[in-house]
Amino acid sequence: MTTPSGGSTPDDYWRRPDTGDESVAHRPSAPSTNTPASGYAGPPPSVPPPTGWRPPVHLRPAPPRRLPPQDMAELDVAEQRSQRVTYGFGVAAGVVLVVVVCLLCSRIIF
């Protein structure tokens, strides 16, 4: 970062370049006429919709269907089977990690 030289202030870098018309550059901008002087005037007033504005409903949806019954014994068997598969993969990954750690330790020791 460079430091400003001469009599300029650090904010001069961020100012707009001169257009050549000094009278326009130093004149304050006129306040806009559409903003209130006290700040935010709030949202515009709303008009309630007329009565009966919703479209008429002619079709009624069908009632929901009944789900088929669940075989809880079969669900328990499937869950136990998937649990055994998950534990099997976990044990296999653990054995592989122990073998890798043993190999790395044997290379460091010997």
Protein backbone atom coordinates (compact mmCIF):
# COMPACT_ATOMS: atom_id res chain seq x y z
CA MET A 1 0.00 0.00 0.00
CA THR A 2 1.30 3.42 -0.85
CA THR A 3 1.00 6.44 1.34
CA PRO A 4 -0.42 9.64 -0.09
CA SER A 5 2.16 12.32 -0.80
CA GLY A 6 1.76 16.05 -0.62
CA GLY A 7 -1.18 17.82 1.01
CA SER A 8 -3.82 15.26 0.11
CA THR A 9 -5.87 13.35 2.64
CA PRO A 10 -6.19 9.54 2.66
CA ASP A 11 -9.79 9.87 1.43
CA ASP A 12 -8.75 11.60 -1.80
CA TYR A 13 -8.14 8.22 -3.39
CA TRP A 14 -11.82 7.31 -3.06
CA ARG A 15 -13.28 10.61 -4.29
CA ARG A 16 -14.75 10.99 -7.76
CA PRO A 17 -12.55 12.63 -10.36
CA ASP A 18 -13.13 16.30 -11.07
CA THR A 19 -15.38 17.03 -14.03
CA GLY A 20 -14.02 20.54 -14.45
CA ASP A 21 -17.18 22.31 -13.24
CA GLU A 22 -16.27 23.45 -9.71
CA SER A 23 -19.66 25.05 -9.01
CA VAL A 24 -21.48 21.75 -9.55
CA ALA A 25 -18.92 19.67 -7.61
CA HIS A 26 -19.24 21.63 -4.33
CA ARG A 27 -22.98 22.25 -4.46
CA PRO A 28 -24.98 19.97 -2.14
CA SER A 29 -27.55 17.80 -3.82
CA ALA A 30 -31.17 18.83 -3.50
CA PRO A 31 -33.32 16.61 -1.29
CA SER A 32 -35.76 14.47 -3.22
CA THR A 33 -39.40 15.48 -3.02
CA ASN A 34 -40.89 11.98 -2.72
CA THR A 35 -39.27 11.03 0.61
CA PRO A 36 -40.89 12.23 3.83
CA ALA A 37 -38.83 14.41 6.14
CA SER A 38 -39.56 12.28 9.21
CA GLY A 39 -38.17 9.01 7.76
CA TYR A 40 -40.08 5.88 6.84
CA ALA A 41 -43.79 6.54 6.38
CA GLY A 42 -44.77 2.88 6.50
CA PRO A 43 -46.35 0.61 3.94
CA PRO A 44 -49.08 1.92 1.66
CA PRO A 45 -52.63 1.37 2.87
CA SER A 46 -54.20 -1.85 1.72
CA VAL A 47 -57.76 -2.48 0.66
CA PRO A 48 -59.38 -5.72 1.83
CA PRO A 49 -60.54 -8.06 -0.96
CA PRO A 50 -64.26 -8.18 -1.71
CA THR A 51 -66.35 -10.93 -0.16
CA GLY A 52 -66.55 -14.07 -2.26
CA TRP A 53 -63.29 -13.36 -4.05
CA ARG A 54 -62.19 -17.01 -3.97
CA PRO A 55 -63.08 -19.14 -6.98
CA PRO A 56 -65.73 -21.80 -6.39
CA VAL A 57 -64.55 -25.33 -5.61
CA HIS A 58 -66.34 -28.00 -7.65
CA LEU A 59 -64.10 -31.05 -7.23
CA ARG A 60 -63.38 -32.68 -3.91
CA PRO A 61 -60.24 -34.81 -3.60
CA ALA A 62 -60.65 -38.51 -2.95
CA PRO A 63 -60.17 -39.65 0.63
CA PRO A 64 -56.74 -41.12 1.39
CA ARG A 65 -56.29 -44.82 0.73
CA ARG A 66 -55.47 -47.32 3.46
CA LEU A 67 -51.89 -48.52 3.64
CA PRO A 68 -51.25 -52.24 3.41
CA PRO A 69 -50.69 -53.98 6.76
CA GLN A 70 -47.11 -54.36 7.91
CA ASP A 71 -45.57 -57.67 8.89
CA MET A 72 -43.67 -56.67 12.03
CA ALA A 73 -41.92 -60.05 12.38
CA GLU A 74 -40.57 -59.81 8.81
CA LEU A 75 -39.44 -56.23 9.44
CA ASP A 76 -37.53 -57.35 12.57
CA VAL A 77 -35.81 -60.15 10.64
CA ALA A 78 -34.79 -57.75 7.85
CA GLU A 79 -33.45 -55.24 10.38
CA GLN A 80 -31.38 -57.91 12.16
CA ARG A 81 -29.99 -59.10 8.82
CA SER A 82 -28.95 -55.57 7.84
CA GLN A 83 -27.43 -55.03 11.29
CA ARG A 84 -25.29 -58.17 10.88
CA VAL A 85 -24.06 -56.93 7.49
CA THR A 86 -23.18 -53.53 8.96
CA TYR A 87 -21.30 -55.09 11.87
CA GLY A 88 -19.51 -57.43 9.46
CA PHE A 89 -18.22 -54.52 7.37
CA GLY A 90 -17.17 -52.68 10.54
CA VAL A 91 -15.20 -55.68 11.82
CA ALA A 92 -13.54 -56.15 8.43
CA ALA A 93 -12.52 -52.47 8.30
CA GLY A 94 -11.20 -52.69 11.87
CA VAL A 95 -9.08 -55.75 11.06
CA VAL A 96 -7.63 -54.02 8.00
CA LEU A 97 -6.77 -50.93 10.05
CA VAL A 98 -5.08 -53.00 12.79
CA VAL A 99 -3.00 -54.84 10.18
CA VAL A 100 -1.95 -51.55 8.55
CA VAL A 101 -0.99 -50.04 11.92
CA CYS A 102 1.01 -53.16 12.80
CA LEU A 103 2.85 -53.00 9.47
CA LEU A 104 3.66 -49.32 9.95
CA CYS A 105 4.87 -49.88 13.50
CA SER A 106 7.05 -52.82 12.44
CA ARG A 107 8.71 -50.65 9.77
CA ILE A 108 9.45 -47.96 12.34
CA ILE A 109 10.83 -50.41 14.92
CA PHE A 110 12.89 -52.57 12.52
